[in-house]
Amino acid sequence: MSYIDGFVVPVPSDKRDEYIELSKTFYEKAKKLGALRQVECWGDDVPDGKVTDFKRAVDAKVGETVVFSWIEWPSKQVRDAANKKMMEDPDMQNMDMPFDGKRMIFGGFVPMLDMGESKD
């Protein structure tokens, strides 16, 4: 069964292109280590909530856009091995990120329902 890493991160709106390039670089490394798919979604209709919301979850500031993304792996074991290798990769350790990584939220998820087909 596949395994999903999910991420939400605030990105300075004027750094969209830099974020896309970083994501492409990251995916090339992840793909070599077994990732099946990576999806990056630029916030377009992200409303303020009454109790919480995406913006508050990552403490997004004025001039930042919330990005929602995920990486699909063939299994948790492949993901765990890839994460270990990426954490040891000097290129990954020295990546210049166009966002504040301390405000990124992330986690690993086991799919429990997958309906329909992917439309790229």
N, C-alpha and C. Protein backbone atom coordinates (compact mmCIF):
# COMPACT_ATOMS: atom_id res chain seq x y z
N MET A 1 0.85 -1.18 0.00
CA MET A 1 0.00 0.00 0.00
C MET A 1 0.88 1.24 0.00
N SER A 2 0.48 2.27 -0.72
CA SER A 2 1.28 3.49 -0.81
C SER A 2 1.28 4.23 0.52
N TYR A 3 2.16 5.22 0.60
CA TYR A 3 2.31 6.04 1.80
C TYR A 3 2.44 7.48 1.34
N ILE A 4 1.84 8.40 2.08
CA ILE A 4 1.80 9.81 1.68
C ILE A 4 2.49 10.68 2.73
N ASP A 5 3.40 11.53 2.27
CA ASP A 5 3.93 12.61 3.10
C ASP A 5 3.17 13.87 2.72
N GLY A 6 2.58 14.54 3.70
CA GLY A 6 1.83 15.77 3.44
C GLY A 6 2.53 16.96 4.07
N PHE A 7 2.43 18.11 3.40
CA PHE A 7 3.10 19.33 3.84
C PHE A 7 2.19 20.55 3.66
N VAL A 8 2.29 21.49 4.58
CA VAL A 8 1.68 22.80 4.42
C VAL A 8 2.75 23.80 4.84
N VAL A 9 3.01 24.79 3.98
CA VAL A 9 4.09 25.74 4.24
C VAL A 9 3.70 27.13 3.72
N PRO A 10 4.04 28.18 4.48
CA PRO A 10 3.82 29.53 3.96
C PRO A 10 5.02 29.96 3.12
N VAL A 11 4.75 30.42 1.91
CA VAL A 11 5.81 30.84 1.00
C VAL A 11 5.61 32.31 0.64
N PRO A 12 6.67 33.13 0.74
CA PRO A 12 6.51 34.51 0.28
C PRO A 12 5.97 34.52 -1.15
N SER A 13 4.91 35.28 -1.36
CA SER A 13 4.22 35.26 -2.65
C SER A 13 5.14 35.61 -3.81
N ASP A 14 6.13 36.44 -3.57
CA ASP A 14 7.05 36.82 -4.63
C ASP A 14 8.16 35.78 -4.86
N LYS A 15 8.12 34.67 -4.13
CA LYS A 15 9.13 33.62 -4.28
C LYS A 15 8.52 32.34 -4.87
N ARG A 16 7.40 32.49 -5.55
CA ARG A 16 6.72 31.33 -6.15
C ARG A 16 7.64 30.57 -7.10
N ASP A 17 8.30 31.29 -8.00
CA ASP A 17 9.17 30.62 -8.97
C ASP A 17 10.32 29.90 -8.29
N GLU A 18 10.91 30.51 -7.27
CA GLU A 18 12.00 29.87 -6.54
C GLU A 18 11.50 28.60 -5.84
N TYR A 19 10.28 28.68 -5.31
CA TYR A 19 9.69 27.51 -4.65
C TYR A 19 9.49 26.37 -5.66
N ILE A 20 8.99 26.71 -6.83
CA ILE A 20 8.78 25.69 -7.87
C ILE A 20 10.10 25.02 -8.24
N GLU A 21 11.13 25.80 -8.42
CA GLU A 21 12.44 25.24 -8.78
C GLU A 21 12.98 24.35 -7.67
N LEU A 22 12.84 24.77 -6.42
CA LEU A 22 13.26 23.95 -5.29
C LEU A 22 12.48 22.64 -5.27
N SER A 23 11.19 22.72 -5.52
CA SER A 23 10.34 21.52 -5.52
C SER A 23 10.76 20.55 -6.62
N LYS A 24 11.10 21.07 -7.79
CA LYS A 24 11.56 20.22 -8.88
C LYS A 24 12.87 19.52 -8.50
N THR A 25 13.78 20.26 -7.91
CA THR A 25 15.06 19.68 -7.48
C THR A 25 14.83 18.61 -6.43
N PHE A 26 13.96 18.92 -5.46
CA PHE A 26 13.66 17.95 -4.41
C PHE A 26 13.06 16.69 -5.00
N TYR A 27 12.11 16.85 -5.93
CA TYR A 27 11.46 15.68 -6.51
C TYR A 27 12.45 14.80 -7.28
N GLU A 28 13.37 15.40 -7.98
CA GLU A 28 14.35 14.59 -8.72
C GLU A 28 15.13 13.69 -7.76
N LYS A 29 15.49 14.22 -6.60
CA LYS A 29 16.18 13.41 -5.59
C LYS A 29 15.24 12.35 -5.02
N ALA A 30 14.02 12.76 -4.67
CA ALA A 30 13.06 11.83 -4.08
C ALA A 30 12.69 10.72 -5.07
N LYS A 31 12.54 11.09 -6.34
CA LYS A 31 12.19 10.11 -7.37
C LYS A 31 13.27 9.03 -7.49
N LYS A 32 14.53 9.43 -7.44
CA LYS A 32 15.63 8.47 -7.51
C LYS A 32 15.62 7.52 -6.32
N LEU A 33 14.99 7.97 -5.21
CA LEU A 33 14.93 7.17 -4.00
C LEU A 33 13.59 6.44 -3.86
N GLY A 34 12.74 6.52 -4.90
CA GLY A 34 11.52 5.72 -4.90
C GLY A 34 10.21 6.47 -4.90
N ALA A 35 10.21 7.81 -4.80
CA ALA A 35 8.95 8.55 -4.81
C ALA A 35 8.22 8.32 -6.12
N LEU A 36 6.90 8.18 -6.03
CA LEU A 36 6.07 7.92 -7.21
C LEU A 36 5.51 9.21 -7.80
N ARG A 37 5.24 10.18 -6.93
CA ARG A 37 4.53 11.38 -7.37
C ARG A 37 4.71 12.48 -6.35
N GLN A 38 4.79 13.70 -6.82
CA GLN A 38 4.81 14.87 -5.94
C GLN A 38 3.84 15.89 -6.51
N VAL A 39 3.02 16.45 -5.65
CA VAL A 39 2.04 17.45 -6.08
C VAL A 39 2.24 18.70 -5.22
N GLU A 40 2.36 19.85 -5.86
CA GLU A 40 2.51 21.13 -5.18
C GLU A 40 1.32 22.00 -5.55
N CYS A 41 0.61 22.53 -4.56
CA CYS A 41 -0.59 23.31 -4.80
C CYS A 41 -0.45 24.70 -4.18
N TRP A 42 -0.50 25.73 -5.01
CA TRP A 42 -0.40 27.12 -4.58
C TRP A 42 -1.76 27.59 -4.10
N GLY A 43 -1.83 28.11 -2.88
CA GLY A 43 -3.11 28.55 -2.31
C GLY A 43 -3.83 29.55 -3.19
N ASP A 44 -5.09 29.31 -3.43
CA ASP A 44 -5.89 30.17 -4.29
C ASP A 44 -7.17 30.63 -3.58
N ASP A 45 -7.80 29.72 -2.88
CA ASP A 45 -9.04 30.02 -2.16
C ASP A 45 -8.88 29.43 -0.76
N VAL A 46 -8.15 30.15 0.09
CA VAL A 46 -7.80 29.66 1.43
C VAL A 46 -8.46 30.60 2.45
N PRO A 47 -9.70 30.27 2.84
CA PRO A 47 -10.45 31.18 3.71
C PRO A 47 -9.95 31.18 5.16
N ASP A 48 -10.24 32.28 5.83
CA ASP A 48 -9.99 32.36 7.27
C ASP A 48 -11.07 31.54 7.97
N GLY A 49 -10.67 30.75 8.94
CA GLY A 49 -11.62 29.94 9.69
C GLY A 49 -12.03 30.61 10.98
N LYS A 50 -13.02 30.06 11.64
CA LYS A 50 -13.48 30.62 12.92
C LYS A 50 -12.61 30.13 14.07
N VAL A 51 -12.11 28.92 14.00
CA VAL A 51 -11.29 28.36 15.08
C VAL A 51 -9.84 28.22 14.63
N THR A 52 -9.65 27.64 13.45
CA THR A 52 -8.31 27.49 12.88
C THR A 52 -8.44 27.41 11.37
N ASP A 53 -7.33 27.47 10.69
CA ASP A 53 -7.32 27.40 9.23
C ASP A 53 -5.88 27.15 8.77
N PHE A 54 -5.71 27.00 7.46
CA PHE A 54 -4.38 26.74 6.92
C PHE A 54 -3.40 27.86 7.26
N LYS A 55 -3.83 29.10 7.15
CA LYS A 55 -2.93 30.23 7.41
C LYS A 55 -2.45 30.24 8.85
N ARG A 56 -3.36 30.04 9.78
CA ARG A 56 -2.97 30.03 11.19
C ARG A 56 -2.11 28.82 11.52
N ALA A 57 -2.36 27.72 10.86
CA ALA A 57 -1.59 26.50 11.14
C ALA A 57 -0.10 26.71 10.89
N VAL A 58 0.23 27.58 9.92
CA VAL A 58 1.63 27.82 9.58
C VAL A 58 2.05 29.26 9.87
N ASP A 59 1.19 29.99 10.59
CA ASP A 59 1.47 31.38 10.95
C ASP A 59 1.83 32.22 9.72
N ALA A 60 1.04 32.06 8.66
CA ALA A 60 1.28 32.82 7.42
C ALA A 60 1.13 34.31 7.68
N LYS A 61 2.05 35.07 7.12
CA LYS A 61 2.07 36.52 7.25
C LYS A 61 1.49 37.17 6.00
N VAL A 62 1.22 38.46 6.09
CA VAL A 62 0.80 39.22 4.91
C VAL A 62 1.91 39.09 3.87
N GLY A 63 1.53 38.82 2.64
CA GLY A 63 2.52 38.66 1.58
C GLY A 63 3.00 37.24 1.40
N GLU A 64 2.41 36.30 2.15
CA GLU A 64 2.76 34.89 2.00
C GLU A 64 1.54 34.13 1.49
N THR A 65 1.82 33.07 0.73
CA THR A 65 0.78 32.20 0.21
C THR A 65 0.97 30.81 0.80
N VAL A 66 -0.11 30.18 1.20
CA VAL A 66 -0.03 28.84 1.76
C VAL A 66 0.07 27.82 0.61
N VAL A 67 1.05 26.93 0.73
CA VAL A 67 1.24 25.85 -0.23
C VAL A 67 0.89 24.54 0.46
N PHE A 68 0.10 23.73 -0.22
CA PHE A 68 -0.30 22.41 0.25
C PHE A 68 0.31 21.41 -0.72
N SER A 69 1.04 20.44 -0.21
CA SER A 69 1.69 19.50 -1.12
C SER A 69 1.75 18.11 -0.52
N TRP A 70 2.01 17.14 -1.39
CA TRP A 70 2.19 15.78 -0.90
C TRP A 70 3.10 15.01 -1.85
N ILE A 71 3.72 14.00 -1.26
CA ILE A 71 4.56 13.08 -2.02
C ILE A 71 4.01 11.68 -1.79
N GLU A 72 3.85 10.94 -2.87
CA GLU A 72 3.37 9.57 -2.77
C GLU A 72 4.57 8.62 -2.89
N TRP A 73 4.64 7.70 -1.96
CA TRP A 73 5.69 6.67 -1.94
C TRP A 73 5.03 5.31 -2.11
N PRO A 74 5.76 4.31 -2.60
CA PRO A 74 5.16 2.98 -2.74
C PRO A 74 4.88 2.32 -1.39
N SER A 75 5.62 2.71 -0.33
CA SER A 75 5.41 2.15 1.00
C SER A 75 6.08 3.05 2.04
N LYS A 76 5.72 2.85 3.28
CA LYS A 76 6.35 3.59 4.38
C LYS A 76 7.83 3.22 4.47
N GLN A 77 8.15 1.97 4.20
CA GLN A 77 9.55 1.53 4.28
C GLN A 77 10.41 2.26 3.25
N VAL A 78 9.90 2.42 2.03
CA VAL A 78 10.65 3.14 0.99
C VAL A 78 10.79 4.60 1.41
N ARG A 79 9.72 5.19 1.92
CA ARG A 79 9.77 6.58 2.38
C ARG A 79 10.77 6.77 3.50
N ASP A 80 10.76 5.87 4.50
CA ASP A 80 11.68 6.00 5.62
C ASP A 80 13.14 5.89 5.16
N ALA A 81 13.41 4.96 4.26
CA ALA A 81 14.78 4.80 3.75
C ALA A 81 15.19 6.04 2.95
N ALA A 82 14.28 6.56 2.14
CA ALA A 82 14.57 7.76 1.35
C ALA A 82 14.82 8.96 2.26
N ASN A 83 13.98 9.14 3.27
CA ASN A 83 14.18 10.26 4.20
C ASN A 83 15.54 10.18 4.87
N LYS A 84 15.95 9.00 5.27
CA LYS A 84 17.26 8.83 5.90
C LYS A 84 18.38 9.25 4.94
N LYS A 85 18.29 8.79 3.70
CA LYS A 85 19.32 9.15 2.71
C LYS A 85 19.31 10.64 2.41
N MET A 86 18.12 11.24 2.33
CA MET A 86 18.05 12.68 2.05
C MET A 86 18.61 13.50 3.21
N MET A 87 18.36 13.06 4.44
CA MET A 87 18.88 13.79 5.60
C MET A 87 20.41 13.73 5.65
N GLU A 88 20.99 12.69 5.07
CA GLU A 88 22.44 12.54 5.05
C GLU A 88 23.08 13.19 3.81
N ASP A 89 22.27 13.63 2.86
CA ASP A 89 22.75 14.21 1.61
C ASP A 89 23.18 15.66 1.84
N PRO A 90 24.46 15.99 1.64
CA PRO A 90 24.93 17.37 1.85
C PRO A 90 24.18 18.39 0.99
N ASP A 91 23.79 18.00 -0.24
CA ASP A 91 23.02 18.93 -1.08
C ASP A 91 21.69 19.30 -0.43
N MET A 92 21.06 18.32 0.21
CA MET A 92 19.78 18.58 0.88
C MET A 92 19.99 19.45 2.12
N GLN A 93 21.06 19.20 2.84
CA GLN A 93 21.33 19.96 4.06
C GLN A 93 21.64 21.42 3.76
N ASN A 94 22.18 21.68 2.57
CA ASN A 94 22.60 23.03 2.22
C ASN A 94 21.66 23.73 1.24
N MET A 95 20.45 23.16 1.05
CA MET A 95 19.48 23.79 0.14
C MET A 95 19.05 25.15 0.68
N ASP A 96 19.01 26.11 -0.22
CA ASP A 96 18.52 27.44 0.13
C ASP A 96 17.01 27.45 -0.08
N MET A 97 16.27 27.43 1.02
CA MET A 97 14.81 27.35 0.93
C MET A 97 14.20 28.76 0.87
N PRO A 98 13.28 29.00 -0.06
CA PRO A 98 12.65 30.31 -0.18
C PRO A 98 11.46 30.49 0.78
N PHE A 99 11.52 29.85 1.94
CA PHE A 99 10.44 29.95 2.93
C PHE A 99 11.03 29.63 4.30
N ASP A 100 10.28 29.92 5.33
CA ASP A 100 10.69 29.64 6.71
C ASP A 100 10.29 28.20 7.06
N GLY A 101 11.25 27.30 7.01
CA GLY A 101 10.98 25.90 7.25
C GLY A 101 10.48 25.60 8.66
N LYS A 102 10.71 26.50 9.60
CA LYS A 102 10.24 26.29 10.97
C LYS A 102 8.71 26.36 11.07
N ARG A 103 8.08 26.99 10.07
CA ARG A 103 6.63 27.11 10.09
C ARG A 103 5.94 26.10 9.19
N MET A 104 6.71 25.21 8.59
CA MET A 104 6.12 24.15 7.77
C MET A 104 5.56 23.08 8.70
N ILE A 105 4.38 22.57 8.36
CA ILE A 105 3.85 21.42 9.08
C ILE A 105 3.86 20.24 8.11
N PHE A 106 4.09 19.06 8.65
CA PHE A 106 4.20 17.89 7.79
C PHE A 106 3.89 16.64 8.58
N GLY A 107 3.62 15.58 7.87
CA GLY A 107 3.37 14.30 8.52
C GLY A 107 3.21 13.21 7.49
N GLY A 108 3.30 11.97 7.96
CA GLY A 108 3.13 10.81 7.11
C GLY A 108 1.74 10.22 7.31
N PHE A 109 1.15 9.76 6.22
CA PHE A 109 -0.23 9.30 6.26
C PHE A 109 -0.41 8.00 5.50
N VAL A 110 -1.24 7.12 6.06
CA VAL A 110 -1.61 5.87 5.41
C VAL A 110 -2.94 6.12 4.69
N PRO A 111 -2.98 5.95 3.36
CA PRO A 111 -4.24 6.15 2.66
C PRO A 111 -5.31 5.19 3.18
N MET A 112 -6.51 5.71 3.38
CA MET A 112 -7.59 4.84 3.83
C MET A 112 -8.72 4.79 2.80
N LEU A 113 -8.71 5.72 1.83
CA LEU A 113 -9.70 5.72 0.77
C LEU A 113 -9.12 6.48 -0.40
N ASP A 114 -9.15 5.90 -1.58
CA ASP A 114 -8.60 6.53 -2.78
C ASP A 114 -9.59 6.27 -3.90
N MET A 115 -10.36 7.28 -4.25
CA MET A 115 -11.42 7.11 -5.25
C MET A 115 -11.11 7.95 -6.48
N GLY A 116 -11.52 7.50 -7.61
CA GLY A 116 -11.31 8.25 -8.84
C GLY A 116 -9.92 8.04 -9.40
N GLU A 117 -9.62 8.81 -10.41
CA GLU A 117 -8.33 8.72 -11.08
C GLU A 117 -7.60 10.04 -10.96
N SER A 118 -6.29 10.00 -10.99
CA SER A 118 -5.48 11.20 -10.99
C SER A 118 -5.61 11.90 -12.33
N LYS A 119 -5.83 13.19 -12.31
CA LYS A 119 -5.93 13.99 -13.54
C LYS A 119 -4.83 15.03 -13.49
N ASP A 120 -3.83 14.89 -14.32
CA ASP A 120 -2.72 15.86 -14.34
C ASP A 120 -2.93 16.95 -15.33
